[in-house]
Amino acid sequence: MQPSISIITIGVDNLERAFAFYRALFDIGDDQIGAGEDHVAFFFDEKFSFVLFPREQIAQTAGVEEAIAGTPGFVLSHKAADADEVDDILARVLAAGGGIITPGTKSEWGYSAYFEDSEGNVWEVMASPTEN
């Protein structure tokens, strides 16, 4: 894996407050901001996004039932070329002593998985959906 951080997702306690802060901080147009009920994404270019996500949901992503001290406050995301590369990376994670949190799963967003390194830091590895 040649790491390339495509997305940084941080956990926040108050999505509206965090959005207001980062909206004021970042010099970015409204057309580069996407929002849903549970997140806000700032799309800086085609290679990098910064996402705000509720801390409780970050905890669930990390396989922890609630956001307590020690729960990761962020997720690093690496964009793989395709689903096969996602699975290859997961195999390397296991061989290197890491753990799989969520195995490769297909969704509307593509194919993704979550893993933790040997120290419990959470990564997402994902591939964009293939076009039919």
N, C-alpha and C. Protein backbone atom coordinates (compact mmCIF):
# COMPACT_ATOMS: atom_id res chain seq x y z
N MET A 1 0.86 -1.18 0.00
CA MET A 1 0.00 0.00 0.00
C MET A 1 0.89 1.23 0.00
N GLN A 2 0.69 2.08 -0.96
CA GLN A 2 1.33 3.38 -0.99
C GLN A 2 0.31 4.36 -0.41
N PRO A 3 0.43 4.70 0.89
CA PRO A 3 -0.63 5.49 1.51
C PRO A 3 -0.81 6.85 0.86
N SER A 4 -2.04 7.17 0.71
CA SER A 4 -2.46 8.47 0.19
C SER A 4 -3.73 8.80 0.97
N ILE A 5 -3.66 9.81 1.80
CA ILE A 5 -4.82 10.17 2.61
C ILE A 5 -5.80 10.93 1.72
N SER A 6 -6.92 10.29 1.42
CA SER A 6 -7.94 10.88 0.56
C SER A 6 -8.98 11.65 1.36
N ILE A 7 -9.26 11.15 2.56
CA ILE A 7 -10.28 11.76 3.41
C ILE A 7 -9.79 11.72 4.85
N ILE A 8 -9.96 12.83 5.54
CA ILE A 8 -9.79 12.84 6.99
C ILE A 8 -11.17 13.11 7.57
N THR A 9 -11.64 12.19 8.40
CA THR A 9 -12.93 12.33 9.07
C THR A 9 -12.66 12.53 10.54
N ILE A 10 -13.20 13.61 11.10
CA ILE A 10 -13.01 13.84 12.54
C ILE A 10 -14.35 13.74 13.25
N GLY A 11 -14.29 13.25 14.48
CA GLY A 11 -15.48 13.15 15.31
C GLY A 11 -15.77 14.47 15.99
N VAL A 12 -17.03 14.85 16.00
CA VAL A 12 -17.44 16.10 16.64
C VAL A 12 -18.62 15.84 17.58
N ASP A 13 -18.72 16.66 18.62
CA ASP A 13 -19.83 16.54 19.56
C ASP A 13 -21.07 17.29 19.09
N ASN A 14 -20.87 18.38 18.35
CA ASN A 14 -21.98 19.21 17.89
C ASN A 14 -21.73 19.53 16.42
N LEU A 15 -22.43 18.83 15.53
CA LEU A 15 -22.20 18.97 14.09
C LEU A 15 -22.43 20.39 13.59
N GLU A 16 -23.49 21.02 14.05
CA GLU A 16 -23.79 22.39 13.60
C GLU A 16 -22.70 23.36 14.03
N ARG A 17 -22.26 23.25 15.28
CA ARG A 17 -21.20 24.14 15.78
C ARG A 17 -19.89 23.90 15.04
N ALA A 18 -19.54 22.64 14.81
CA ALA A 18 -18.31 22.32 14.10
C ALA A 18 -18.38 22.81 12.65
N PHE A 19 -19.54 22.64 12.02
CA PHE A 19 -19.70 23.13 10.64
C PHE A 19 -19.50 24.64 10.58
N ALA A 20 -20.11 25.36 11.50
CA ALA A 20 -19.97 26.82 11.52
C ALA A 20 -18.50 27.22 11.68
N PHE A 21 -17.78 26.52 12.56
CA PHE A 21 -16.37 26.82 12.78
C PHE A 21 -15.55 26.59 11.50
N TYR A 22 -15.67 25.40 10.91
CA TYR A 22 -14.85 25.08 9.74
C TYR A 22 -15.30 25.85 8.51
N ARG A 23 -16.59 26.18 8.41
CA ARG A 23 -17.07 27.01 7.29
C ARG A 23 -16.41 28.38 7.35
N ALA A 24 -16.29 28.93 8.55
CA ALA A 24 -15.65 30.24 8.71
C ALA A 24 -14.14 30.15 8.51
N LEU A 25 -13.56 29.02 8.88
CA LEU A 25 -12.11 28.85 8.80
C LEU A 25 -11.62 28.61 7.37
N PHE A 26 -12.30 27.73 6.65
CA PHE A 26 -11.85 27.32 5.31
C PHE A 26 -12.29 28.33 4.26
N ASP A 27 -11.42 28.60 3.33
CA ASP A 27 -11.73 29.44 2.18
C ASP A 27 -12.23 28.52 1.07
N ILE A 28 -13.53 28.21 1.12
CA ILE A 28 -14.08 27.21 0.20
C ILE A 28 -15.50 27.63 -0.18
N GLY A 29 -15.86 27.41 -1.43
CA GLY A 29 -17.18 27.79 -1.91
C GLY A 29 -18.27 26.83 -1.49
N ASP A 30 -19.49 27.33 -1.49
CA ASP A 30 -20.64 26.50 -1.12
C ASP A 30 -20.76 25.27 -2.01
N ASP A 31 -20.34 25.39 -3.28
CA ASP A 31 -20.43 24.27 -4.21
C ASP A 31 -19.42 23.16 -3.87
N GLN A 32 -18.53 23.41 -2.93
CA GLN A 32 -17.55 22.42 -2.52
C GLN A 32 -17.88 21.82 -1.15
N ILE A 33 -19.12 22.04 -0.69
CA ILE A 33 -19.57 21.53 0.60
C ILE A 33 -20.77 20.62 0.37
N GLY A 34 -20.72 19.44 0.98
CA GLY A 34 -21.84 18.52 0.91
C GLY A 34 -22.26 18.17 2.32
N ALA A 35 -23.55 18.01 2.54
CA ALA A 35 -24.03 17.70 3.89
C ALA A 35 -25.15 16.68 3.83
N GLY A 36 -25.22 15.90 4.87
CA GLY A 36 -26.30 14.94 5.07
C GLY A 36 -26.77 15.08 6.50
N GLU A 37 -27.68 14.23 6.92
CA GLU A 37 -28.18 14.31 8.29
C GLU A 37 -27.08 14.07 9.31
N ASP A 38 -26.10 13.24 8.95
CA ASP A 38 -25.09 12.83 9.93
C ASP A 38 -23.67 13.28 9.60
N HIS A 39 -23.49 14.16 8.63
CA HIS A 39 -22.13 14.57 8.29
C HIS A 39 -22.12 15.86 7.48
N VAL A 40 -20.94 16.47 7.42
CA VAL A 40 -20.67 17.57 6.50
C VAL A 40 -19.32 17.29 5.87
N ALA A 41 -19.23 17.42 4.55
CA ALA A 41 -17.99 17.15 3.84
C ALA A 41 -17.54 18.41 3.10
N PHE A 42 -16.25 18.70 3.23
CA PHE A 42 -15.62 19.79 2.51
C PHE A 42 -14.74 19.16 1.43
N PHE A 43 -15.06 19.40 0.16
CA PHE A 43 -14.34 18.81 -0.96
C PHE A 43 -13.34 19.83 -1.51
N PHE A 44 -12.08 19.68 -1.12
CA PHE A 44 -11.06 20.65 -1.52
C PHE A 44 -10.64 20.47 -2.97
N ASP A 45 -10.54 19.25 -3.41
CA ASP A 45 -10.27 18.91 -4.80
C ASP A 45 -10.66 17.46 -5.00
N GLU A 46 -10.38 16.91 -6.18
CA GLU A 46 -10.80 15.53 -6.44
C GLU A 46 -10.00 14.50 -5.64
N LYS A 47 -8.95 14.94 -4.95
CA LYS A 47 -8.10 14.00 -4.22
C LYS A 47 -8.20 14.11 -2.70
N PHE A 48 -8.85 15.15 -2.17
CA PHE A 48 -8.87 15.31 -0.72
C PHE A 48 -10.17 15.92 -0.22
N SER A 49 -10.72 15.28 0.83
CA SER A 49 -11.92 15.77 1.50
C SER A 49 -11.71 15.76 3.01
N PHE A 50 -12.40 16.65 3.68
CA PHE A 50 -12.38 16.74 5.14
C PHE A 50 -13.82 16.60 5.61
N VAL A 51 -14.10 15.63 6.47
CA VAL A 51 -15.48 15.31 6.85
C VAL A 51 -15.67 15.44 8.36
N LEU A 52 -16.79 16.03 8.75
CA LEU A 52 -17.21 16.12 10.14
C LEU A 52 -18.28 15.05 10.35
N PHE A 53 -18.12 14.27 11.42
CA PHE A 53 -19.00 13.13 11.67
C PHE A 53 -19.23 13.04 13.17
N PRO A 54 -20.43 12.74 13.63
CA PRO A 54 -20.66 12.64 15.07
C PRO A 54 -19.71 11.67 15.76
N ARG A 55 -19.18 12.08 16.89
CA ARG A 55 -18.20 11.27 17.62
C ARG A 55 -18.74 9.89 17.96
N GLU A 56 -20.04 9.80 18.31
CA GLU A 56 -20.62 8.49 18.63
C GLU A 56 -20.55 7.55 17.45
N GLN A 57 -20.74 8.09 16.23
CA GLN A 57 -20.69 7.24 15.05
C GLN A 57 -19.25 6.86 14.70
N ILE A 58 -18.29 7.72 15.01
CA ILE A 58 -16.88 7.35 14.84
C ILE A 58 -16.58 6.18 15.76
N ALA A 59 -17.11 6.22 16.97
CA ALA A 59 -16.89 5.13 17.92
C ALA A 59 -17.46 3.82 17.37
N GLN A 60 -18.67 3.87 16.82
CA GLN A 60 -19.28 2.67 16.25
C GLN A 60 -18.45 2.15 15.08
N THR A 61 -17.94 3.06 14.24
CA THR A 61 -17.09 2.67 13.13
C THR A 61 -15.86 1.92 13.63
N ALA A 62 -15.34 2.35 14.77
CA ALA A 62 -14.16 1.73 15.35
C ALA A 62 -14.48 0.47 16.13
N GLY A 63 -15.77 0.08 16.15
CA GLY A 63 -16.16 -1.13 16.85
C GLY A 63 -16.32 -0.95 18.35
N VAL A 64 -16.51 0.30 18.79
CA VAL A 64 -16.68 0.60 20.20
C VAL A 64 -18.12 1.04 20.40
N GLU A 65 -18.76 0.57 21.46
CA GLU A 65 -20.18 0.86 21.64
C GLU A 65 -20.48 2.31 21.97
N GLU A 66 -19.58 3.00 22.67
CA GLU A 66 -19.84 4.40 22.99
C GLU A 66 -18.54 5.19 22.95
N ALA A 67 -18.68 6.49 22.74
CA ALA A 67 -17.51 7.37 22.65
C ALA A 67 -17.02 7.67 24.06
N ILE A 68 -16.03 6.94 24.51
CA ILE A 68 -15.42 7.15 25.82
C ILE A 68 -13.96 7.51 25.63
N ALA A 69 -13.30 7.88 26.70
CA ALA A 69 -11.88 8.21 26.61
C ALA A 69 -11.14 7.08 25.91
N GLY A 70 -10.29 7.42 24.98
CA GLY A 70 -9.54 6.43 24.23
C GLY A 70 -10.18 6.06 22.91
N THR A 71 -11.43 6.48 22.69
CA THR A 71 -12.08 6.23 21.41
C THR A 71 -11.41 7.11 20.36
N PRO A 72 -11.06 6.54 19.21
CA PRO A 72 -10.44 7.38 18.18
C PRO A 72 -11.34 8.56 17.83
N GLY A 73 -10.73 9.72 17.65
CA GLY A 73 -11.48 10.91 17.30
C GLY A 73 -11.42 11.22 15.82
N PHE A 74 -10.79 10.32 15.05
CA PHE A 74 -10.68 10.56 13.62
C PHE A 74 -10.50 9.23 12.90
N VAL A 75 -10.73 9.25 11.59
CA VAL A 75 -10.49 8.10 10.73
C VAL A 75 -9.70 8.60 9.53
N LEU A 76 -8.62 7.90 9.20
CA LEU A 76 -7.86 8.20 7.99
C LEU A 76 -8.38 7.30 6.89
N SER A 77 -8.61 7.84 5.71
CA SER A 77 -9.15 7.05 4.60
C SER A 77 -8.17 7.04 3.43
N HIS A 78 -7.92 5.85 2.92
CA HIS A 78 -7.05 5.65 1.76
C HIS A 78 -7.91 5.16 0.61
N LYS A 79 -7.76 5.80 -0.55
CA LYS A 79 -8.54 5.39 -1.72
C LYS A 79 -7.74 4.38 -2.53
N ALA A 80 -8.27 3.19 -2.64
CA ALA A 80 -7.65 2.12 -3.41
C ALA A 80 -8.16 2.17 -4.85
N ALA A 81 -7.46 1.48 -5.73
CA ALA A 81 -7.84 1.48 -7.14
C ALA A 81 -9.14 0.73 -7.38
N ASP A 82 -9.35 -0.37 -6.65
CA ASP A 82 -10.54 -1.20 -6.86
C ASP A 82 -10.76 -2.11 -5.65
N ALA A 83 -11.84 -2.88 -5.69
CA ALA A 83 -12.19 -3.76 -4.58
C ALA A 83 -11.10 -4.80 -4.30
N ASP A 84 -10.47 -5.31 -5.36
CA ASP A 84 -9.40 -6.29 -5.16
C ASP A 84 -8.25 -5.69 -4.36
N GLU A 85 -7.91 -4.44 -4.63
CA GLU A 85 -6.84 -3.80 -3.86
C GLU A 85 -7.26 -3.61 -2.41
N VAL A 86 -8.53 -3.28 -2.18
CA VAL A 86 -9.02 -3.16 -0.80
C VAL A 86 -8.78 -4.48 -0.07
N ASP A 87 -9.18 -5.58 -0.68
CA ASP A 87 -9.01 -6.90 -0.06
C ASP A 87 -7.54 -7.25 0.13
N ASP A 88 -6.69 -6.90 -0.83
CA ASP A 88 -5.25 -7.15 -0.70
C ASP A 88 -4.68 -6.38 0.49
N ILE A 89 -5.10 -5.15 0.66
CA ILE A 89 -4.63 -4.34 1.79
C ILE A 89 -5.07 -4.96 3.10
N LEU A 90 -6.31 -5.45 3.17
CA LEU A 90 -6.79 -6.09 4.39
C LEU A 90 -5.95 -7.32 4.73
N ALA A 91 -5.57 -8.08 3.73
CA ALA A 91 -4.72 -9.25 3.97
C ALA A 91 -3.36 -8.81 4.54
N ARG A 92 -2.82 -7.72 4.01
CA ARG A 92 -1.55 -7.20 4.50
C ARG A 92 -1.67 -6.68 5.93
N VAL A 93 -2.83 -6.07 6.25
CA VAL A 93 -3.08 -5.58 7.61
C VAL A 93 -2.98 -6.75 8.59
N LEU A 94 -3.66 -7.84 8.28
CA LEU A 94 -3.64 -9.01 9.17
C LEU A 94 -2.22 -9.58 9.29
N ALA A 95 -1.52 -9.68 8.18
CA ALA A 95 -0.16 -10.22 8.20
C ALA A 95 0.79 -9.34 9.00
N ALA A 96 0.51 -8.05 9.03
CA ALA A 96 1.38 -7.10 9.74
C ALA A 96 1.02 -6.96 11.22
N GLY A 97 -0.06 -7.62 11.66
CA GLY A 97 -0.43 -7.55 13.07
C GLY A 97 -1.56 -6.62 13.40
N GLY A 98 -2.24 -6.08 12.39
CA GLY A 98 -3.40 -5.22 12.63
C GLY A 98 -4.66 -6.06 12.72
N GLY A 99 -5.80 -5.40 12.79
CA GLY A 99 -7.07 -6.10 12.89
C GLY A 99 -8.11 -5.52 11.95
N ILE A 100 -9.02 -6.35 11.52
CA ILE A 100 -10.10 -5.92 10.65
C ILE A 100 -11.29 -5.55 11.53
N ILE A 101 -11.78 -4.33 11.38
CA ILE A 101 -12.96 -3.88 12.12
C ILE A 101 -14.21 -4.24 11.32
N THR A 102 -14.21 -3.87 10.05
CA THR A 102 -15.31 -4.18 9.14
C THR A 102 -14.71 -4.73 7.85
N PRO A 103 -15.08 -5.93 7.44
CA PRO A 103 -14.53 -6.48 6.20
C PRO A 103 -15.03 -5.69 5.00
N GLY A 104 -14.42 -5.94 3.85
CA GLY A 104 -14.83 -5.27 2.63
C GLY A 104 -16.31 -5.43 2.37
N THR A 105 -16.98 -4.31 2.15
CA THR A 105 -18.43 -4.29 1.99
C THR A 105 -18.79 -3.37 0.83
N LYS A 106 -19.67 -3.84 -0.04
CA LYS A 106 -20.13 -3.05 -1.18
C LYS A 106 -21.32 -2.19 -0.74
N SER A 107 -21.32 -0.92 -1.14
CA SER A 107 -22.43 -0.02 -0.85
C SER A 107 -22.58 0.96 -2.00
N GLU A 108 -23.50 1.89 -1.86
CA GLU A 108 -23.68 2.91 -2.89
C GLU A 108 -22.44 3.78 -3.07
N TRP A 109 -21.58 3.82 -2.03
CA TRP A 109 -20.38 4.65 -2.06
C TRP A 109 -19.20 3.92 -2.68
N GLY A 110 -19.35 2.64 -2.95
CA GLY A 110 -18.26 1.85 -3.52
C GLY A 110 -18.03 0.60 -2.69
N TYR A 111 -16.77 0.29 -2.45
CA TYR A 111 -16.38 -0.89 -1.69
C TYR A 111 -15.41 -0.42 -0.63
N SER A 112 -15.71 -0.70 0.63
CA SER A 112 -14.84 -0.18 1.68
C SER A 112 -14.74 -1.14 2.85
N ALA A 113 -13.73 -0.90 3.65
CA ALA A 113 -13.49 -1.69 4.86
C ALA A 113 -12.81 -0.79 5.88
N TYR A 114 -12.90 -1.18 7.14
CA TYR A 114 -12.22 -0.46 8.20
C TYR A 114 -11.26 -1.42 8.89
N PHE A 115 -10.07 -0.92 9.20
CA PHE A 115 -9.11 -1.73 9.95
C PHE A 115 -8.42 -0.87 10.99
N GLU A 116 -7.77 -1.55 11.93
CA GLU A 116 -6.98 -0.84 12.92
C GLU A 116 -5.54 -1.30 12.83
N ASP A 117 -4.64 -0.36 13.07
CA ASP A 117 -3.23 -0.71 13.07
C ASP A 117 -2.89 -1.39 14.40
N SER A 118 -1.64 -1.68 14.61
CA SER A 118 -1.22 -2.39 15.82
C SER A 118 -1.46 -1.59 17.09
N GLU A 119 -1.71 -0.28 16.95
CA GLU A 119 -1.93 0.58 18.11
C GLU A 119 -3.38 1.00 18.28
N GLY A 120 -4.26 0.49 17.45
CA GLY A 120 -5.68 0.80 17.56
C GLY A 120 -6.14 2.00 16.76
N ASN A 121 -5.26 2.59 15.94
CA ASN A 121 -5.67 3.72 15.09
C ASN A 121 -6.51 3.19 13.93
N VAL A 122 -7.59 3.90 13.62
CA VAL A 122 -8.57 3.42 12.65
C VAL A 122 -8.29 4.01 11.26
N TRP A 123 -8.34 3.11 10.28
CA TRP A 123 -8.23 3.47 8.87
C TRP A 123 -9.46 2.94 8.13
N GLU A 124 -9.84 3.67 7.09
CA GLU A 124 -10.80 3.17 6.11
C GLU A 124 -10.02 2.99 4.83
N VAL A 125 -10.25 1.92 4.13
CA VAL A 125 -9.69 1.75 2.79
C VAL A 125 -10.90 1.54 1.88
N MET A 126 -10.93 2.29 0.76
CA MET A 126 -12.14 2.29 -0.05
C MET A 126 -11.80 2.37 -1.52
N ALA A 127 -12.72 1.90 -2.33
CA ALA A 127 -12.64 2.01 -3.78
C ALA A 127 -13.96 2.61 -4.26
N SER A 128 -13.87 3.51 -5.20
CA SER A 128 -15.08 4.12 -5.75
C SER A 128 -15.93 3.07 -6.46
N PRO A 129 -17.24 3.31 -6.57
CA PRO A 129 -18.08 2.34 -7.26
C PRO A 129 -17.62 2.19 -8.72
N THR A 130 -17.74 0.98 -9.23
CA THR A 130 -17.40 0.76 -10.63
C THR A 130 -18.59 1.16 -11.48
N GLU A 131 -18.28 1.70 -12.65
CA GLU A 131 -19.35 2.11 -13.55
C GLU A 131 -19.79 0.92 -14.38
N ASN A 132 -21.11 0.82 -14.60
CA ASN A 132 -21.64 -0.31 -15.38
C ASN A 132 -21.76 0.04 -16.83
